[in-house]
Protein backbone atom coordinates (compact mmCIF):
# COMPACT_ATOMS: atom_id res chain seq x y z
CA MET A 1 -60.15 -244.20 -109.38
CA SER A 2 -56.64 -243.34 -108.24
CA THR A 3 -53.44 -245.06 -109.31
CA ASP A 4 -52.98 -246.43 -105.78
CA GLU A 5 -56.41 -248.04 -105.88
CA LEU A 6 -55.71 -249.60 -109.27
CA ASN A 7 -52.34 -250.91 -108.10
CA LYS A 8 -54.02 -252.54 -105.09
CA ILE A 9 -56.63 -254.15 -107.34
CA ILE A 10 -53.92 -255.47 -109.65
CA ALA A 11 -51.92 -256.85 -106.70
CA VAL A 12 -54.96 -258.70 -105.32
CA LYS A 13 -55.80 -260.13 -108.74
CA LYS A 14 -52.21 -261.30 -109.22
CA MET A 15 -52.23 -263.02 -105.82
CA ASP A 16 -55.56 -264.66 -106.65
CA LEU A 17 -54.20 -265.76 -110.02
CA GLU A 18 -51.10 -267.33 -108.44
CA GLU A 19 -53.19 -269.14 -105.84
CA CYS A 20 -55.63 -270.49 -108.44
CA GLU A 21 -52.84 -271.69 -110.71
CA HIS A 22 -51.12 -273.38 -107.76
CA GLU A 23 -54.35 -275.11 -106.69
CA LEU A 24 -55.11 -276.22 -110.23
CA ASN A 25 -51.65 -277.71 -110.72
CA ASN A 26 -51.27 -279.37 -107.33
CA LYS A 27 -54.65 -280.86 -106.44
CA TYR A 28 -57.10 -283.18 -108.08
CA TYR A 29 -60.38 -281.62 -109.15
CA PRO A 30 -63.17 -283.04 -111.30
CA SER A 31 -63.02 -281.89 -114.90
CA VAL A 32 -65.96 -279.50 -114.52
CA VAL A 33 -64.23 -277.74 -111.64
CA ARG A 34 -60.94 -277.64 -113.55
CA MET A 35 -62.69 -276.04 -116.52
CA ALA A 36 -64.29 -273.42 -114.28
CA MET A 37 -60.95 -272.69 -112.63
CA MET A 38 -59.22 -272.36 -116.00
CA ARG A 39 -61.92 -269.94 -117.15
CA TYR A 40 -61.51 -267.91 -113.96
CA ILE A 41 -57.72 -267.88 -114.43
CA SER A 42 -58.17 -266.68 -117.99
CA GLU A 43 -60.52 -263.92 -116.84
CA LEU A 44 -58.06 -262.82 -114.14
CA GLN A 45 -55.23 -262.68 -116.68
CA HIS A 46 -57.39 -260.58 -118.99
CA GLN A 47 -58.35 -258.18 -116.18
CA ILE A 48 -54.71 -257.79 -115.11
CA GLU A 49 -53.73 -256.97 -118.68
CA LEU A 50 -56.50 -254.39 -118.93
CA TYR A 51 -55.71 -252.72 -115.62
CA SER A 52 -51.95 -252.66 -116.06
CA GLY A 53 -51.80 -251.85 -119.76
CA ASP A 54 -52.67 -248.78 -121.77
CA ASP A 55 -56.12 -248.71 -120.22
CA LEU A 56 -54.54 -247.52 -116.96
CA ASN A 57 -53.42 -244.37 -118.76
CA LYS A 58 -56.91 -243.88 -120.20
CA ILE A 59 -58.47 -244.18 -116.75
CA GLU A 60 -55.97 -241.77 -115.20
CA ASN A 61 -56.43 -239.18 -117.93
CA GLY A 62 -60.21 -239.50 -117.85
């Protein structure tokens, strides 16, 4: 996977994260939905950290 592809993935995940956080903070959702959204937000944050951290160097260097 090239650096460009990884950067695009990271950008999409960041946009998704921002949108989810905005929705969670500005609309009413039942608690079950809020919990699922918070879990998804947490997973997105984790993926962004993985893709943009040291793991990016490991992927690039094979």
